[in-house]
Amino acid sequence: MEYTKDVIFNVNYKDKLGRIILSNKKSKSKILNIIKENKLVITVLCSLVVLISIDIVLVNNFIKLLTTM
C-alpha cells in the first residue's frame, strides 16, 4: 500500500539523509515522453483517423450524387 502511494505520487527517498523528495514532473512532459516512446502507435492512430475521415467524406459525397440522379 505504501509503495503504491509512493509510485503514484512520484516520491523518491534519499538513502543517506532519509529525506523525502517529491518529483515535480509536469503532465505535459509525461505526454511528450509517451509520444516519443510510442511513435509507431501514434503514427498508426493518426493515419487511421485521417483515412476514416476521408472515407466518411467520400461516402457522403457518393450518397449525395445518388440522390441527385
N, C-alpha and C. Protein backbone atom coordinates (compact mmCIF):
# COMPACT_ATOMS: atom_id res chain seq x y z
N MET A 1 0.82 -1.18 0.00
CA MET A 1 0.00 0.00 0.00
C MET A 1 0.87 1.25 0.00
N GLU A 2 1.88 1.29 0.85
CA GLU A 2 2.75 2.45 0.91
C GLU A 2 3.55 2.59 -0.38
N TYR A 3 4.01 1.47 -0.91
CA TYR A 3 4.78 1.51 -2.16
C TYR A 3 3.93 2.04 -3.29
N THR A 4 2.67 1.65 -3.35
CA THR A 4 1.76 2.12 -4.39
C THR A 4 1.57 3.62 -4.30
N LYS A 5 1.42 4.15 -3.11
CA LYS A 5 1.29 5.59 -2.93
C LYS A 5 2.56 6.30 -3.39
N ASP A 6 3.71 5.72 -3.09
CA ASP A 6 4.98 6.33 -3.50
C ASP A 6 5.10 6.37 -5.02
N VAL A 7 4.65 5.33 -5.68
CA VAL A 7 4.73 5.28 -7.14
C VAL A 7 3.76 6.28 -7.75
N ILE A 8 2.55 6.37 -7.22
CA ILE A 8 1.55 7.28 -7.77
C ILE A 8 1.96 8.72 -7.59
N PHE A 9 2.47 9.08 -6.42
CA PHE A 9 2.83 10.47 -6.14
C PHE A 9 4.28 10.79 -6.49
N ASN A 10 5.01 9.87 -7.11
CA ASN A 10 6.41 10.07 -7.52
C ASN A 10 7.28 10.52 -6.35
N VAL A 11 7.26 9.76 -5.27
CA VAL A 11 8.06 10.07 -4.09
C VAL A 11 9.38 9.32 -4.20
N ASN A 12 10.49 10.05 -4.03
CA ASN A 12 11.81 9.44 -4.04
C ASN A 12 12.44 9.62 -2.66
N TYR A 13 13.20 8.63 -2.21
CA TYR A 13 13.86 8.70 -0.92
C TYR A 13 15.36 8.77 -1.13
N LYS A 14 16.04 9.64 -0.39
CA LYS A 14 17.50 9.65 -0.39
C LYS A 14 17.96 8.71 0.72
N ASP A 15 18.90 7.82 0.38
CA ASP A 15 19.32 6.81 1.34
C ASP A 15 20.12 7.40 2.51
N LYS A 16 21.05 8.30 2.23
CA LYS A 16 21.95 8.78 3.28
C LYS A 16 21.25 9.71 4.27
N LEU A 17 20.45 10.63 3.77
CA LEU A 17 19.85 11.62 4.65
C LEU A 17 18.47 11.22 5.14
N GLY A 18 17.81 10.30 4.47
CA GLY A 18 16.49 9.86 4.87
C GLY A 18 15.41 10.90 4.61
N ARG A 19 15.66 11.79 3.66
CA ARG A 19 14.68 12.81 3.32
C ARG A 19 13.82 12.36 2.16
N ILE A 20 12.61 12.87 2.14
CA ILE A 20 11.69 12.57 1.05
C ILE A 20 11.78 13.68 0.02
N ILE A 21 11.88 13.31 -1.24
CA ILE A 21 11.91 14.29 -2.33
C ILE A 21 10.73 14.01 -3.24
N LEU A 22 9.87 15.00 -3.43
CA LEU A 22 8.74 14.85 -4.33
C LEU A 22 9.16 15.28 -5.72
N SER A 23 8.86 14.47 -6.71
CA SER A 23 9.20 14.81 -8.08
C SER A 23 8.24 15.87 -8.60
N ASN A 24 8.75 16.84 -9.31
CA ASN A 24 7.95 17.92 -9.86
C ASN A 24 7.84 17.77 -11.38
N LYS A 25 7.34 16.65 -11.83
CA LYS A 25 7.19 16.43 -13.27
C LYS A 25 5.85 16.99 -13.71
N LYS A 26 5.85 17.64 -14.84
CA LYS A 26 4.61 18.19 -15.38
C LYS A 26 3.91 17.14 -16.22
N SER A 27 2.60 17.27 -16.33
CA SER A 27 1.85 16.31 -17.11
C SER A 27 2.18 16.45 -18.60
N LYS A 28 2.55 17.65 -19.02
CA LYS A 28 2.91 17.86 -20.42
C LYS A 28 4.16 17.06 -20.78
N SER A 29 5.13 17.02 -19.90
CA SER A 29 6.34 16.25 -20.18
C SER A 29 6.05 14.76 -20.19
N LYS A 30 5.09 14.31 -19.38
CA LYS A 30 4.72 12.89 -19.40
C LYS A 30 4.09 12.53 -20.73
N ILE A 31 3.24 13.43 -21.24
CA ILE A 31 2.59 13.17 -22.53
C ILE A 31 3.63 13.15 -23.64
N LEU A 32 4.58 14.07 -23.60
CA LEU A 32 5.63 14.08 -24.62
C LEU A 32 6.49 12.83 -24.55
N ASN A 33 6.77 12.34 -23.35
CA ASN A 33 7.54 11.11 -23.22
C ASN A 33 6.79 9.91 -23.77
N ILE A 34 5.48 9.87 -23.56
CA ILE A 34 4.67 8.76 -24.09
C ILE A 34 4.69 8.80 -25.61
N ILE A 35 4.58 10.01 -26.19
CA ILE A 35 4.61 10.14 -27.64
C ILE A 35 5.96 9.71 -28.20
N LYS A 36 7.04 10.12 -27.54
CA LYS A 36 8.38 9.75 -28.00
C LYS A 36 8.62 8.26 -27.93
N GLU A 37 8.09 7.61 -26.90
CA GLU A 37 8.29 6.17 -26.73
C GLU A 37 7.44 5.34 -27.68
N ASN A 38 6.28 5.85 -28.10
CA ASN A 38 5.34 5.07 -28.90
C ASN A 38 5.07 5.75 -30.24
N LYS A 39 6.11 6.07 -30.97
CA LYS A 39 5.94 6.78 -32.24
C LYS A 39 5.15 5.97 -33.26
N LEU A 40 5.39 4.69 -33.33
CA LEU A 40 4.70 3.85 -34.30
C LEU A 40 3.20 3.80 -34.02
N VAL A 41 2.84 3.62 -32.77
CA VAL A 41 1.42 3.54 -32.40
C VAL A 41 0.73 4.87 -32.68
N ILE A 42 1.36 5.98 -32.34
CA ILE A 42 0.79 7.30 -32.58
C ILE A 42 0.64 7.55 -34.07
N THR A 43 1.62 7.16 -34.86
CA THR A 43 1.56 7.34 -36.31
C THR A 43 0.42 6.52 -36.91
N VAL A 44 0.27 5.29 -36.47
CA VAL A 44 -0.80 4.43 -36.97
C VAL A 44 -2.16 5.00 -36.59
N LEU A 45 -2.31 5.46 -35.37
CA LEU A 45 -3.60 6.03 -34.93
C LEU A 45 -3.95 7.30 -35.70
N CYS A 46 -2.96 8.15 -35.92
CA CYS A 46 -3.21 9.39 -36.68
C CYS A 46 -3.61 9.08 -38.11
N SER A 47 -2.90 8.16 -38.75
CA SER A 47 -3.24 7.81 -40.12
C SER A 47 -4.62 7.14 -40.19
N LEU A 48 -4.97 6.36 -39.20
CA LEU A 48 -6.28 5.73 -39.14
C LEU A 48 -7.39 6.78 -39.05
N VAL A 49 -7.20 7.78 -38.23
CA VAL A 49 -8.19 8.84 -38.09
C VAL A 49 -8.34 9.60 -39.40
N VAL A 50 -7.24 9.90 -40.06
CA VAL A 50 -7.29 10.63 -41.33
C VAL A 50 -8.00 9.80 -42.39
N LEU A 51 -7.68 8.53 -42.49
CA LEU A 51 -8.29 7.68 -43.51
C LEU A 51 -9.79 7.46 -43.24
N ILE A 52 -10.17 7.33 -41.99
CA ILE A 52 -11.60 7.19 -41.67
C ILE A 52 -12.35 8.46 -42.03
N SER A 53 -11.78 9.61 -41.75
CA SER A 53 -12.46 10.86 -42.10
C SER A 53 -12.58 11.03 -43.61
N ILE A 54 -11.56 10.66 -44.36
CA ILE A 54 -11.64 10.72 -45.83
C ILE A 54 -12.72 9.78 -46.33
N ASP A 55 -12.80 8.59 -45.75
CA ASP A 55 -13.81 7.62 -46.15
C ASP A 55 -15.22 8.15 -45.89
N ILE A 56 -15.44 8.78 -44.77
CA ILE A 56 -16.75 9.33 -44.44
C ILE A 56 -17.13 10.42 -45.45
N VAL A 57 -16.19 11.27 -45.79
CA VAL A 57 -16.46 12.34 -46.76
C VAL A 57 -16.80 11.74 -48.13
N LEU A 58 -16.06 10.74 -48.54
CA LEU A 58 -16.30 10.14 -49.85
C LEU A 58 -17.66 9.43 -49.89
N VAL A 59 -18.02 8.73 -48.84
CA VAL A 59 -19.31 8.05 -48.80
C VAL A 59 -20.45 9.06 -48.83
N ASN A 60 -20.31 10.16 -48.09
CA ASN A 60 -21.34 11.20 -48.10
C ASN A 60 -21.50 11.82 -49.48
N ASN A 61 -20.39 12.07 -50.13
CA ASN A 61 -20.46 12.63 -51.49
C ASN A 61 -21.12 11.66 -52.47
N PHE A 62 -20.82 10.38 -52.31
CA PHE A 62 -21.44 9.38 -53.18
C PHE A 62 -22.94 9.32 -52.95
N ILE A 63 -23.37 9.37 -51.72
CA ILE A 63 -24.80 9.33 -51.42
C ILE A 63 -25.50 10.57 -51.98
N LYS A 64 -24.87 11.72 -51.88
CA LYS A 64 -25.43 12.95 -52.45
C LYS A 64 -25.56 12.82 -53.97
N LEU A 65 -24.54 12.22 -54.58
CA LEU A 65 -24.58 12.03 -56.03
C LEU A 65 -25.71 11.11 -56.42
N LEU A 66 -25.95 10.04 -55.66
CA LEU A 66 -27.03 9.10 -55.98
C LEU A 66 -28.40 9.75 -55.78
N THR A 67 -28.53 10.61 -54.79
CA THR A 67 -29.83 11.22 -54.54
C THR A 67 -30.18 12.27 -55.59
N THR A 68 -29.20 12.85 -56.24
CA THR A 68 -29.50 13.86 -57.27
C THR A 68 -29.87 13.22 -58.60
N MET A 69 -29.61 11.97 -58.79
CA MET A 69 -29.92 11.30 -60.07
C MET A 69 -31.35 10.93 -60.16
